[in-house]
Amino acid sequence: MGELETRLQMVTFQLGKESYGIDIMDVKEIYGLEDVRPIPNAPGYVEGIFNLRGNIIPIINLHKRFHIKRAQLSEEEKLLSGFIILNLQGTHVGIIIDKVLRVMTIEPDSIQPPPQMVSGIGTEYITGVVQQKDDGSYLILLDINRLFNPEELRQISSLT
């Protein structure tokens, strides 16, 4: 039983050319592409707000936040685009992703320290990287609690 408890469940997604993972416990839900209402004078990386069953959710564009080009997707792959709604210290925030990939289990001993810079995202946002067995690429593990400093989070939560 202890061995199962140490494994990490990660929701994985594509952003630009890279694959990222976030702890499944930080994910409220995954939502397909929907209309987002823009907000005047919001920070440049805030795409707008989204009404999720009566709750107003700020939507963050990580492409703009980290200066990442959007992935070139086929029409079929675009069906997997959308938002991941996260619980950031009690505030629900949506992040735009290019494509949801899958939920996967990761062994803690397979996590390597992050390199100094990965596709525009600094190491302060990354908990580690895991080499993928199938194609040799890397899965970048994000620490969602470090994506925004307290001032940015306060500003984002005030949008709702």
Foldseek 3Di string as FASTA:
>chain_A
DVQVVQKFKWFWAAFAHAIATEGPVFFPAWDAADDFDQDPPAPPQFRHWDQDPNDIATEGEVCVVQVGDGYDDDPVQSRQWGWTWGQAVNHTHIYTGRGTDGIDIGRPVQWDQDDQDDRRDGSQQFPGWGQDPPPRGIYTYGDVNRSDDPVSVVSNRVSD
